PDB file of N, CA and C in Angstrom:
ATOM      1  N   UNK A   1     115.941  62.036  82.329  1.00  0.00           N
ATOM      2  CA  UNK A   1     117.482  62.829  82.382  1.00  0.00           C
ATOM      3  C   UNK A   1     117.246  63.841  83.375  1.00  0.00           C
ATOM      4  N   UNK A   2     116.439  64.938  83.063  1.00  0.00           N
ATOM      5  CA  UNK A   2     116.171  65.923  83.953  1.00  0.00           C
ATOM      6  C   UNK A   2     115.870  65.274  85.428  1.00  0.00           C
ATOM      7  N   UNK A   3     115.136  64.501  86.033  1.00  0.00           N
ATOM      8  CA  UNK A   3     115.237  63.755  87.276  1.00  0.00           C
ATOM      9  C   UNK A   3     116.697  63.724  87.926  1.00  0.00           C
ATOM     10  N   UNK A   4     117.074  63.068  87.173  1.00  0.00           N
ATOM     11  CA  UNK A   4     118.314  62.476  87.214  1.00  0.00           C
ATOM     12  C   UNK A   4     119.160  63.933  87.911  1.00  0.00           C
ATOM     13  N   UNK A   5     119.585  64.625  86.764  1.00  0.00           N
ATOM     14  CA  UNK A   5     120.381  66.021  87.251  1.00  0.00           C
ATOM     15  C   UNK A   5     119.775  66.896  88.340  1.00  0.00           C
ATOM     16  N   UNK A   6     118.555  66.910  88.633  1.00  0.00           N
ATOM     17  CA  UNK A   6     117.874  67.552  89.703  1.00  0.00           C
ATOM     18  C   UNK A   6     118.011  66.921  90.860  1.00  0.00           C
ATOM     19  N   UNK A   7     117.834  65.160  90.829  1.00  0.00           N
ATOM     20  CA  UNK A   7     118.688  64.363  92.390  1.00  0.00           C
ATOM     21  C   UNK A   7     119.831  64.953  92.406  1.00  0.00           C
ATOM     22  N   UNK A   8     120.685  65.175  91.710  1.00  0.00           N
ATOM     23  CA  UNK A   8     122.187  65.413  91.540  1.00  0.00           C
ATOM     24  C   UNK A   8     122.999  66.267  92.259  1.00  0.00           C
ATOM     25  N   UNK A   9     122.091  67.709  91.907  1.00  0.00           N
ATOM     26  CA  UNK A   9     121.953  68.932  91.924  1.00  0.00           C
ATOM     27  C   UNK A   9     121.103  68.896  93.807  1.00  0.00           C
ATOM     28  N   UNK A  10     120.501  68.306  93.717  1.00  0.00           N
ATOM     29  CA  UNK A  10     120.147  68.460  95.474  1.00  0.00           C
ATOM     30  C   UNK A  10     120.721  67.332  96.431  1.00  0.00           C
ATOM     31  N   UNK A  11     121.496  66.404  95.991  1.00  0.00           N
ATOM     32  CA  UNK A  11     122.321  65.813  96.546  1.00  0.00           C
ATOM     33  C   UNK A  11     123.972  66.518  96.865  1.00  0.00           C
ATOM     34  N   UNK A  12     123.781  67.546  95.918  1.00  0.00           N
ATOM     35  CA  UNK A  12     124.948  67.867  96.112  1.00  0.00           C
ATOM     36  C   UNK A  12     124.758  69.071  97.177  1.00  0.00           C
ATOM     37  N   UNK A  13     123.877  69.525  96.995  1.00  0.00           N
ATOM     38  CA  UNK A  13     122.855  70.875  98.189  1.00  0.00           C
ATOM     39  C   UNK A  13     123.433  70.190  99.302  1.00  0.00           C
ATOM     40  N   UNK A  14     122.616  69.049  99.697  1.00  0.00           N
ATOM     41  CA  UNK A  14     122.725  68.372 101.128  1.00  0.00           C
ATOM     42  C   UNK A  14     123.550  68.067 101.405  1.00  0.00           C
ATOM     43  N   UNK A  15     125.186  67.915 100.665  1.00  0.00           N
ATOM     44  CA  UNK A  15     126.188  67.198 101.133  1.00  0.00           C
ATOM     45  C   UNK A  15     126.743  68.781 101.539  1.00  0.00           C
ATOM     46  N   UNK A  16     126.777  69.762 100.942  1.00  0.00           N
ATOM     47  CA  UNK A  16     127.764  70.999 101.402  1.00  0.00           C
ATOM     48  C   UNK A  16     127.343  71.570 102.263  1.00  0.00           C
ATOM     49  N   UNK A  17     125.617  71.526 102.727  1.00  0.00           N
ATOM     50  CA  UNK A  17     124.829  71.943 103.816  1.00  0.00           C
ATOM     51  C   UNK A  17     125.283  71.150 105.068  1.00  0.00           C
ATOM     52  N   UNK A  18     125.767  69.630 105.079  1.00  0.00           N
ATOM     53  CA  UNK A  18     125.882  69.081 105.721  1.00  0.00           C
ATOM     54  C   UNK A  18     127.131  68.850 106.509  1.00  0.00           C
ATOM     55  N   UNK A  19     128.310  69.295 105.268  1.00  0.00           N
ATOM     56  CA  UNK A  19     129.538  69.423 105.795  1.00  0.00           C
ATOM     57  C   UNK A  19     129.926  70.498 106.336  1.00  0.00           C
ATOM     58  N   UNK A  20     129.010  71.625 106.687  1.00  0.00           N
ATOM     59  CA  UNK A  20     129.236  73.011 107.159  1.00  0.00           C
ATOM     60  C   UNK A  20     128.896  72.787 108.605  1.00  0.00           C
ATOM     61  N   UNK A  21     128.203  71.812 109.073  1.00  0.00           N
ATOM     62  CA  UNK A  21     127.726  71.533 110.555  1.00  0.00           C
ATOM     63  C   UNK A  21     128.824  71.402 111.484  1.00  0.00           C
ATOM     64  N   UNK A  22     129.066  71.961 112.190  1.00  0.00           N
ATOM     65  CA  UNK A  22     130.115  72.192 113.452  1.00  0.00           C
ATOM     66  C   UNK A  22     129.433  72.171 114.904  1.00  0.00           C
ATOM     67  N   UNK A  23     129.612  71.469 115.507  1.00  0.00           N
ATOM     68  CA  UNK A  23     129.264  71.733 117.144  1.00  0.00           C
ATOM     69  C   UNK A  23     130.140  72.811 117.891  1.00  0.00           C
ATOM     70  N   UNK A  24     128.713  73.216 118.744  1.00  0.00           N
ATOM     71  CA  UNK A  24     129.477  74.002 119.013  1.00  0.00           C
ATOM     72  C   UNK A  24     130.225  73.877 120.572  1.00  0.00           C
ATOM     73  N   UNK A  25     131.171  74.903 120.531  1.00  0.00           N
ATOM     74  CA  UNK A  25     132.317  75.148 122.098  1.00  0.00           C
ATOM     75  C   UNK A  25     131.374  75.290 123.063  1.00  0.00           C
ATOM     76  N   UNK A  26     131.197  74.988 124.332  1.00  0.00           N
ATOM     77  CA  UNK A  26     130.701  75.396 125.345  1.00  0.00           C
ATOM     78  C   UNK A  26     131.161  76.018 126.115  1.00  0.00           C
ATOM     79  N   UNK A  27     131.487  77.157 127.390  1.00  0.00           N
ATOM     80  CA  UNK A  27     132.473  77.317 128.057  1.00  0.00           C
ATOM     81  C   UNK A  27     131.069  77.833 129.294  1.00  0.00           C
ATOM     82  N   UNK A  28     131.295  77.596 130.746  1.00  0.00           N
ATOM     83  CA  UNK A  28     130.310  77.705 131.369  1.00  0.00           C
ATOM     84  C   UNK A  28     130.732  78.457 132.854  1.00  0.00           C
ATOM     85  N   UNK A  29     130.725  79.719 133.126  1.00  0.00           N
ATOM     86  CA  UNK A  29     131.762  80.268 134.365  1.00  0.00           C
ATOM     87  C   UNK A  29     130.882  81.192 134.924  1.00  0.00           C
ATOM     88  N   UNK A  30     131.228  81.437 136.028  1.00  0.00           N
ATOM     89  CA  UNK A  30     130.911  82.677 136.933  1.00  0.00           C
ATOM     90  C   UNK A  30     131.469  84.317 136.625  1.00  0.00           C
ATOM     91  N   UNK A  31     130.396  85.147 136.603  1.00  0.00           N
ATOM     92  CA  UNK A  31     131.267  86.267 136.621  1.00  0.00           C
ATOM     93  C   UNK A  31     132.836  86.734 137.948  1.00  0.00           C
ATOM     94  N   UNK A  32     132.368  86.406 138.695  1.00  0.00           N
ATOM     95  CA  UNK A  32     132.905  86.191 139.760  1.00  0.00           C
ATOM     96  C   UNK A  32     133.518  85.133 140.639  1.00  0.00           C
ATOM     97  N   UNK A  33     134.287  84.771 140.925  1.00  0.00           N
ATOM     98  CA  UNK A  33     134.826  83.872 141.439  1.00  0.00           C
ATOM     99  C   UNK A  33     133.596  83.290 142.761  1.00  0.00           C
ATOM    100  N   UNK A  34     133.240  81.860 142.653  1.00  0.00           N
ATOM    101  CA  UNK A  34     132.034  80.813 143.545  1.00  0.00           C
ATOM    102  C   UNK A  34     132.174  81.525 144.865  1.00  0.00           C
ATOM    103  N   UNK A  35     131.147  82.071 145.455  1.00  0.00           N
ATOM    104  CA  UNK A  35     131.397  82.124 147.012  1.00  0.00           C
ATOM    105  C   UNK A  35     129.502  81.835 147.207  1.00  0.00           C
ATOM    106  N   UNK A  36     129.516  80.847 148.191  1.00  0.00           N
ATOM    107  CA  UNK A  36     128.062  80.412 148.731  1.00  0.00           C
ATOM    108  C   UNK A  36     127.795  81.173 149.054  1.00  0.00           C
ATOM    109  N   UNK A  37     126.257  81.626 148.790  1.00  0.00           N
ATOM    110  CA  UNK A  37     125.414  83.016 149.406  1.00  0.00           C
ATOM    111  C   UNK A  37     125.820  84.099 148.892  1.00  0.00           C
ATOM    112  N   UNK A  38     126.745  84.281 148.121  1.00  0.00           N
ATOM    113  CA  UNK A  38     127.213  85.697 147.341  1.00  0.00           C
ATOM    114  C   UNK A  38     126.328  86.116 146.245  1.00  0.00           C
ATOM    115  N   UNK A  39     125.520  86.815 145.497  1.00  0.00           N
ATOM    116  CA  UNK A  39     125.556  87.297 144.616  1.00  0.00           C
ATOM    117  C   UNK A  39     126.532  87.214 143.365  1.00  0.00           C
ATOM    118  N   UNK A  40     125.879  86.502 142.411  1.00  0.00           N
ATOM    119  CA  UNK A  40     127.124  86.659 140.927  1.00  0.00           C
ATOM    120  C   UNK A  40     126.110  86.659 139.585  1.00  0.00           C
ATOM    121  N   UNK A  41     127.031  86.295 138.731  1.00  0.00           N
ATOM    122  CA  UNK A  41     126.520  85.797 137.352  1.00  0.00           C
ATOM    123  C   UNK A  41     126.705  84.868 136.428  1.00  0.00           C
ATOM    124  N   UNK A  42     126.048  83.949 136.151  1.00  0.00           N
ATOM    125  CA  UNK A  42     126.286  82.658 135.898  1.00  0.00           C
ATOM    126  C   UNK A  42     126.197  82.707 134.213  1.00  0.00           C
ATOM    127  N   UNK A  43     127.252  82.450 133.451  1.00  0.00           N
ATOM    128  CA  UNK A  43     127.358  82.724 132.141  1.00  0.00           C
ATOM    129  C   UNK A  43     127.600  81.479 131.399  1.00  0.00           C
ATOM    130  N   UNK A  44     126.872  81.482 130.206  1.00  0.00           N
ATOM    131  CA  UNK A  44     126.966  80.002 129.387  1.00  0.00           C
ATOM    132  C   UNK A  44     127.716  80.864 127.986  1.00  0.00           C
ATOM    133  N   UNK A  45     129.153  80.791 127.169  1.00  0.00           N
ATOM    134  CA  UNK A  45     129.378  81.389 126.512  1.00  0.00           C
ATOM    135  C   UNK A  45     129.289  79.914 124.951  1.00  0.00           C
ATOM    136  N   UNK A  46     128.849  79.991 124.212  1.00  0.00           N
ATOM    137  CA  UNK A  46     128.737  79.062 123.347  1.00  0.00           C
ATOM    138  C   UNK A  46     129.445  79.856 121.943  1.00  0.00           C
ATOM    139  N   UNK A  47     130.389  78.948 121.281  1.00  0.00           N
ATOM    140  CA  UNK A  47     130.915  79.659 120.231  1.00  0.00           C
ATOM    141  C   UNK A  47     131.225  78.326 119.240  1.00  0.00           C
ATOM    142  N   UNK A  48     131.507  78.981 117.815  1.00  0.00           N
ATOM    143  CA  UNK A  48     131.932  77.901 117.012  1.00  0.00           C
ATOM    144  C   UNK A  48     130.943  77.024 116.397  1.00  0.00           C
ATOM    145  N   UNK A  49     129.740  77.281 116.096  1.00  0.00           N
ATOM    146  CA  UNK A  49     128.411  76.496 116.027  1.00  0.00           C
ATOM    147  C   UNK A  49     128.015  76.725 114.583  1.00  0.00           C
ATOM    148  N   UNK A  50     127.420  76.198 113.962  1.00  0.00           N
ATOM    149  CA  UNK A  50     126.758  76.296 112.519  1.00  0.00           C
ATOM    150  C   UNK A  50     126.162  74.738 112.259  1.00  0.00           C
ATOM    151  N   UNK A  51     124.763  75.013 112.079  1.00  0.00           N
ATOM    152  CA  UNK A  51     124.084  76.045 111.640  1.00  0.00           C
ATOM    153  C   UNK A  51     123.641  76.985 112.705  1.00  0.00           C
ATOM    154  N   UNK A  52     122.710  77.793 112.938  1.00  0.00           N
ATOM    155  CA  UNK A  52     122.480  78.686 114.000  1.00  0.00           C
ATOM    156  C   UNK A  52     121.349  78.211 114.387  1.00  0.00           C
ATOM    157  N   UNK A  53     120.997  77.199 113.943  1.00  0.00           N
ATOM    158  CA  UNK A  53     119.559  76.428 115.088  1.00  0.00           C
ATOM    159  C   UNK A  53     119.858  75.897 116.790  1.00  0.00           C
ATOM    160  N   UNK A  54     119.874  77.106 117.904  1.00  0.00           N
ATOM    161  CA  UNK A  54     120.665  76.480 118.746  1.00  0.00           C
ATOM    162  C   UNK A  54     119.668  77.212 120.075  1.00  0.00           C
ATOM    163  N   UNK A  55     120.000  76.406 120.764  1.00  0.00           N
ATOM    164  CA  UNK A  55     119.128  76.725 122.137  1.00  0.00           C
ATOM    165  C   UNK A  55     119.859  76.967 123.207  1.00  0.00           C
ATOM    166  N   UNK A  56     119.741  77.784 124.123  1.00  0.00           N
ATOM    167  CA  UNK A  56     120.546  77.309 125.311  1.00  0.00           C
ATOM    168  C   UNK A  56     120.089  77.998 126.594  1.00  0.00           C
ATOM    169  N   UNK A  57     119.530  76.859 127.386  1.00  0.00           N
ATOM    170  CA  UNK A  57     118.933  77.359 129.153  1.00  0.00           C
ATOM    171  C   UNK A  57     120.087  77.022 130.030  1.00  0.00           C
ATOM    172  N   UNK A  58     119.900  78.329 131.117  1.00  0.00           N
ATOM    173  CA  UNK A  58     120.658  78.142 132.087  1.00  0.00           C
ATOM    174  C   UNK A  58     119.818  77.532 133.044  1.00  0.00           C
ATOM    175  N   UNK A  59     120.396  76.534 134.038  1.00  0.00           N
ATOM    176  CA  UNK A  59     119.182  75.707 135.288  1.00  0.00           C
ATOM    177  C   UNK A  59     119.975  75.678 136.477  1.00  0.00           C
ATOM    178  N   UNK A  60     119.303  75.169 136.913  1.00  0.00           N
ATOM    179  CA  UNK A  60     119.820  75.382 138.465  1.00  0.00           C
ATOM    180  C   UNK A  60     118.695  74.369 138.962  1.00  0.00           C
ATOM    181  N   UNK A  61     119.432  72.541 139.506  1.00  0.00           N
ATOM    182  CA  UNK A  61     119.432  71.693 139.827  1.00  0.00           C
ATOM    183  C   UNK A  61     118.142  71.130 138.411  1.00  0.00           C
ATOM    184  N   UNK A  62     118.159  71.367 137.324  1.00  0.00           N
ATOM    185  CA  UNK A  62     117.550  70.892 136.587  1.00  0.00           C
ATOM    186  C   UNK A  62     116.143  71.802 136.073  1.00  0.00           C
ATOM    187  N   UNK A  63     116.180  73.091 136.567  1.00  0.00           N
ATOM    188  CA  UNK A  63     114.932  74.214 136.087  1.00  0.00           C
ATOM    189  C   UNK A  63     115.572  75.137 135.846  1.00  0.00           C
ATOM    190  N   UNK A  64     115.127  75.853 134.926  1.00  0.00           N
ATOM    191  CA  UNK A  64     115.700  76.934 133.639  1.00  0.00           C
ATOM    192  C   UNK A  64     115.520  78.296 135.113  1.00  0.00           C
ATOM    193  N   UNK A  65     116.784  78.981 135.061  1.00  0.00           N
ATOM    194  CA  UNK A  65     116.733  79.897 136.070  1.00  0.00           C
ATOM    195  C   UNK A  65     115.898  81.381 135.219  1.00  0.00           C
ATOM    196  N   UNK A  66     115.489  81.777 135.811  1.00  0.00           N
ATOM    197  CA  UNK A  66     114.462  83.045 135.684  1.00  0.00           C
ATOM    198  C   UNK A  66     115.523  84.103 134.711  1.00  0.00           C
ATOM    199  N   UNK A  67     114.538  85.210 134.246  1.00  0.00           N
ATOM    200  CA  UNK A  67     115.133  86.396 133.563  1.00  0.00           C
ATOM    201  C   UNK A  67     116.642  86.101 133.011  1.00  0.00           C
ATOM    202  N   UNK A  68     116.565  85.390 132.590  1.00  0.00           N
ATOM    203  CA  UNK A  68     118.148  85.221 131.599  1.00  0.00           C
ATOM    204  C   UNK A  68     118.269  85.566 130.366  1.00  0.00           C
ATOM    205  N   UNK A  69     118.969  86.535 130.107  1.00  0.00           N
ATOM    206  CA  UNK A  69     119.234  87.221 128.680  1.00  0.00           C
ATOM    207  C   UNK A  69     120.359  86.564 127.989  1.00  0.00           C
ATOM    208  N   UNK A  70     119.693  86.845 126.667  1.00  0.00           N
ATOM    209  CA  UNK A  70     120.827  85.988 125.693  1.00  0.00           C
ATOM    210  C   UNK A  70     121.357  87.212 124.784  1.00  0.00           C
ATOM    211  N   UNK A  71     123.130  87.133 124.319  1.00  0.00           N
ATOM    212  CA  UNK A  71     122.847  88.136 123.348  1.00  0.00           C
ATOM    213  C   UNK A  71     122.107  88.202 122.034  1.00  0.00           C
ATOM    214  N   UNK A  72     122.731  88.947 121.393  1.00  0.00           N
ATOM    215  CA  UNK A  72     121.818  88.517 119.768  1.00  0.00           C
ATOM    216  C   UNK A  72     123.073  87.587 119.029  1.00  0.00           C
ATOM    217  N   UNK A  73     122.286  86.995 118.211  1.00  0.00           N
ATOM    218  CA  UNK A  73     123.110  85.924 117.425  1.00  0.00           C
ATOM    219  C   UNK A  73     124.365  86.701 116.609  1.00  0.00           C
ATOM    220  N   UNK A  74     125.787  86.211 116.597  1.00  0.00           N
ATOM    221  CA  UNK A  74     126.488  86.865 115.941  1.00  0.00           C
ATOM    222  C   UNK A  74     127.430  85.801 115.126  1.00  0.00           C
ATOM    223  N   UNK A  75     127.882  86.403 114.081  1.00  0.00           N
ATOM    224  CA  UNK A  75     128.966  85.323 113.397  1.00  0.00           C
ATOM    225  C   UNK A  75     130.313  85.822 112.952  1.00  0.00           C
ATOM    226  N   UNK A  76     131.305  85.220 112.856  1.00  0.00           N
ATOM    227  CA  UNK A  76     132.357  85.457 111.819  1.00  0.00           C
ATOM    228  C   UNK A  76     132.564  85.304 110.543  1.00  0.00           C
ATOM    229  N   UNK A  77     133.341  85.437 109.603  1.00  0.00           N
ATOM    230  CA  UNK A  77     133.371  85.526 108.290  1.00  0.00           C
ATOM    231  C   UNK A  77     133.314  84.172 107.633  1.00  0.00           C
ATOM    232  N   UNK A  78     134.033  82.996 108.693  1.00  0.00           N
ATOM    233  CA  UNK A  78     133.435  81.583 108.117  1.00  0.00           C
ATOM    234  C   UNK A  78     132.074  81.063 108.213  1.00  0.00           C
ATOM    235  N   UNK A  79     130.690  81.521 108.942  1.00  0.00           N
ATOM    236  CA  UNK A  79     129.808  82.192 109.018  1.00  0.00           C
ATOM    237  C   UNK A  79     129.721  80.800 110.217  1.00  0.00           C
ATOM    238  N   UNK A  80     130.610  80.709 111.188  1.00  0.00           N
ATOM    239  CA  UNK A  80     130.499  80.257 112.814  1.00  0.00           C
ATOM    240  C   UNK A  80     129.684  80.749 113.362  1.00  0.00           C
ATOM    241  N   UNK A  81     129.090  80.516 114.208  1.00  0.00           N
ATOM    242  CA  UNK A  81     128.085  81.552 115.433  1.00  0.00           C
ATOM    243  C   UNK A  81     128.481  81.428 116.541  1.00  0.00           C
ATOM    244  N   UNK A  82     127.979  82.421 117.052  1.00  0.00           N
ATOM    245  CA  UNK A  82     128.479  82.295 119.102  1.00  0.00           C
ATOM    246  C   UNK A  82     127.250  83.413 119.573  1.00  0.00           C
ATOM    247  N   UNK A  83     127.003  83.271 120.579  1.00  0.00           N
ATOM    248  CA  UNK A  83     126.067  83.537 121.552  1.00  0.00           C
ATOM    249  C   UNK A  83     126.463  83.291 123.082  1.00  0.00           C
ATOM    250  N   UNK A  84     126.038  83.850 123.938  1.00  0.00           N
ATOM    251  CA  UNK A  84     126.556  84.370 125.061  1.00  0.00           C
ATOM    252  C   UNK A  84     124.802  84.262 126.440  1.00  0.00           C
ATOM    253  N   UNK A  85     124.560  83.510 127.068  1.00  0.00           N
ATOM    254  CA  UNK A  85     123.487  83.662 127.781  1.00  0.00           C
ATOM    255  C   UNK A  85     124.225  83.727 129.353  1.00  0.00           C
ATOM    256  N   UNK A  86     123.266  84.755 130.206  1.00  0.00           N
ATOM    257  CA  UNK A  86     123.785  84.898 131.438  1.00  0.00           C
ATOM    258  C   UNK A  86     122.731  85.468 132.181  1.00  0.00           C
ATOM    259  N   UNK A  87     122.672  84.955 133.283  1.00  0.00           N
ATOM    260  CA  UNK A  87     121.596  85.134 134.532  1.00  0.00           C
ATOM    261  C   UNK A  87     122.380  85.427 135.946  1.00  0.00           C
ATOM    262  N   UNK A  88     121.555  86.222 136.611  1.00  0.00           N
ATOM    263  CA  UNK A  88     121.802  86.440 138.583  1.00  0.00           C
ATOM    264  C   UNK A  88     121.752  85.283 138.700  1.00  0.00           C
ATOM    265  N   UNK A  89     122.797  84.792 139.677  1.00  0.00           N
ATOM    266  CA  UNK A  89     121.917  83.841 140.613  1.00  0.00           C
ATOM    267  C   UNK A  89     123.240  83.634 141.744  1.00  0.00           C
ATOM    268  N   UNK A  90     122.333  82.855 142.848  1.00  0.00           N
ATOM    269  CA  UNK A  90     123.264  83.194 144.229  1.00  0.00           C
ATOM    270  C   UNK A  90     123.338  81.918 144.642  1.00  0.00           C
ATOM    271  N   UNK A  91     124.796  81.209 144.577  1.00  0.00           N
ATOM    272  CA  UNK A  91     124.796  79.643 144.644  1.00  0.00           C
ATOM    273  C   UNK A  91     124.745  79.624 146.217  1.00  0.00           C
ATOM    274  N   UNK A  92     124.692  78.265 146.327  1.00  0.00           N
ATOM    275  CA  UNK A  92     124.281  77.433 147.444  1.00  0.00           C
ATOM    276  C   UNK A  92     124.741  76.300 147.524  1.00  0.00           C
ATOM    277  N   UNK A  93     125.289  75.546 148.469  1.00  0.00           N
ATOM    278  CA  UNK A  93     125.924  74.466 149.325  1.00  0.00           C
ATOM    279  C   UNK A  93     124.994  73.476 148.700  1.00  0.00           C
ATOM    280  N   UNK A  94     125.167  72.610 147.476  1.00  0.00           N
ATOM    281  CA  UNK A  94     124.588  71.168 147.459  1.00  0.00           C
ATOM    282  C   UNK A  94     123.833  71.892 145.779  1.00  0.00           C
ATOM    283  N   UNK A  95     123.675  73.034 145.815  1.00  0.00           N
ATOM    284  CA  UNK A  95     122.882  73.039 144.382  1.00  0.00           C
ATOM    285  C   UNK A  95     123.408  72.951 142.803  1.00  0.00           C
ATOM    286  N   UNK A  96     122.926  72.499 141.992  1.00  0.00           N
ATOM    287  CA  UNK A  96     124.152  72.482 140.889  1.00  0.00           C
ATOM    288  C   UNK A  96     123.260  72.813 139.891  1.00  0.00           C
ATOM    289  N   UNK A  97     124.170  73.685 139.363  1.00  0.00           N
ATOM    290  CA  UNK A  97     124.172  75.005 138.146  1.00  0.00           C
ATOM    291  C   UNK A  97     124.382  74.246 136.751  1.00  0.00           C
ATOM    292  N   UNK A  98     124.044  74.427 135.736  1.00  0.00           N
ATOM    293  CA  UNK A  98     124.643  74.226 134.227  1.00  0.00           C
ATOM    294  C   UNK A  98     124.042  74.746 132.949  1.00  0.00           C
ATOM    295  N   UNK A  99     124.420  74.430 132.213  1.00  0.00           N
ATOM    296  CA  UNK A  99     123.976  75.150 130.682  1.00  0.00           C
ATOM    297  C   UNK A  99     123.495  74.161 129.921  1.00  0.00           C
ATOM    298  N   UNK A 100     122.644  73.845 129.381  1.00  0.00           N
ATOM    299  CA  UNK A 100     122.117  72.816 128.335  1.00  0.00           C
ATOM    300  C   UNK A 100     121.826  73.705 126.782  1.00  0.00           C
ATOM    301  N   UNK A 101     122.732  73.145 126.184  1.00  0.00           N
ATOM    302  CA  UNK A 101     122.980  73.992 124.996  1.00  0.00           C
ATOM    303  C   UNK A 101     122.036  72.691 123.722  1.00  0.00           C
ATOM    304  N   UNK A 102     121.232  72.755 123.186  1.00  0.00           N
ATOM    305  CA  UNK A 102     120.596  72.222 122.253  1.00  0.00           C
ATOM    306  C   UNK A 102     120.971  72.795 120.858  1.00  0.00           C
ATOM    307  N   UNK A 103     121.702  71.739 119.862  1.00  0.00           N
ATOM    308  CA  UNK A 103     122.003  72.303 118.404  1.00  0.00           C
ATOM    309  C   UNK A 103     121.560  71.161 117.466  1.00  0.00           C
ATOM    310  N   UNK A 104     120.319  71.896 116.853  1.00  0.00           N
ATOM    311  CA  UNK A 104     119.861  70.931 115.892  1.00  0.00           C
ATOM    312  C   UNK A 104     119.110  69.134 116.907  1.00  0.00           C
ATOM    313  N   UNK A 105     119.559  68.485 116.532  1.00  0.00           N
ATOM    314  CA  UNK A 105     118.904  67.560 117.621  1.00  0.00           C
ATOM    315  C   UNK A 105     119.595  66.821 118.408  1.00  0.00           C
ATOM    316  N   UNK A 106     121.381  67.442 118.917  1.00  0.00           N
ATOM    317  CA  UNK A 106     121.983  66.680 120.096  1.00  0.00           C
ATOM    318  C   UNK A 106     121.847  67.897 121.272  1.00  0.00           C
ATOM    319  N   UNK A 107     121.689  67.574 122.045  1.00  0.00           N
ATOM    320  CA  UNK A 107     121.195  68.025 123.259  1.00  0.00           C
ATOM    321  C   UNK A 107     122.290  67.729 124.120  1.00  0.00           C
ATOM    322  N   UNK A 108     123.120  68.641 125.027  1.00  0.00           N
ATOM    323  CA  UNK A 108     124.307  68.270 125.855  1.00  0.00           C
ATOM    324  C   UNK A 108     124.291  69.175 127.223  1.00  0.00           C
ATOM    325  N   UNK A 109     124.373  68.663 128.227  1.00  0.00           N
ATOM    326  CA  UNK A 109     124.730  69.664 129.577  1.00  0.00           C
ATOM    327  C   UNK A 109     126.124  70.042 129.865  1.00  0.00           C
ATOM    328  N   UNK A 110     126.651  71.016 130.046  1.00  0.00           N
ATOM    329  CA  UNK A 110     127.769  71.020 131.256  1.00  0.00           C
ATOM    330  C   UNK A 110     127.364  71.898 132.053  1.00  0.00           C
ATOM    331  N   UNK A 111     127.865  71.655 133.043  1.00  0.00           N
ATOM    332  CA  UNK A 111     127.796  71.609 134.501  1.00  0.00           C
ATOM    333  C   UNK A 111     129.094  72.973 134.824  1.00  0.00           C
ATOM    334  N   UNK A 112     128.206  73.671 135.678  1.00  0.00           N
ATOM    335  CA  UNK A 112     129.710  74.879 136.272  1.00  0.00           C
ATOM    336  C   UNK A 112     130.281  74.536 137.505  1.00  0.00           C
ATOM    337  N   UNK A 113     131.459  74.675 137.136  1.00  0.00           N
ATOM    338  CA  UNK A 113     132.121  74.178 138.387  1.00  0.00           C
ATOM    339  C   UNK A 113     132.327  75.211 139.421  1.00  0.00           C
ATOM    340  N   UNK A 114     131.950  75.306 140.304  1.00  0.00           N
ATOM    341  CA  UNK A 114     132.205  76.347 141.556  1.00  0.00           C
ATOM    342  C   UNK A 114     133.594  76.984 141.876  1.00  0.00           C
ATOM    343  N   UNK A 115     134.211  75.628 141.862  1.00  0.00           N
ATOM    344  CA  UNK A 115     135.923  75.717 141.990  1.00  0.00           C
ATOM    345  C   UNK A 115     135.757  76.391 143.313  1.00  0.00           C
ATOM    346  N   UNK A 116     135.238  75.972 144.455  1.00  0.00           N
ATOM    347  CA  UNK A 116     135.141  76.726 146.103  1.00  0.00           C
ATOM    348  C   UNK A 116     135.256  75.005 146.945  1.00  0.00           C
TER     349      UNK A 116
END
C-alpha cells in the first residue's frame, strides 16, 4: 500500500512539474539599424520560459560569436524566466547571424533580419 501511495505522489509531482514547462519566446535584433560594414550589437532576448534550463548562443555563419555577454537569470512572479545575450558585431553582406536557443531537449535557431 505504501508503494502505491509513494508512486501516486511521485506521479503527481512529475505531472505538476511537466505542466509548468513553457517554451521560450525569442527576439533577435540589433541595437542600431543594420548597416553593412558598421559596428553594431546583436541582441537575443529570451523570455517567458520555464524551467530555467537554457543555453543561448549568438552565431555568425554557424560559429559562436566571441565575447558575448549574458544578463543574470531573472524571473517574474509566475516563475517564468528571462535572459538577454548580446555581442558586438559588424554585419557584412552574405553573413548570416542568428541566436540558437536550447531549452531542455529542444533546440531552435532564430535568424537576425538585417532589414537592409
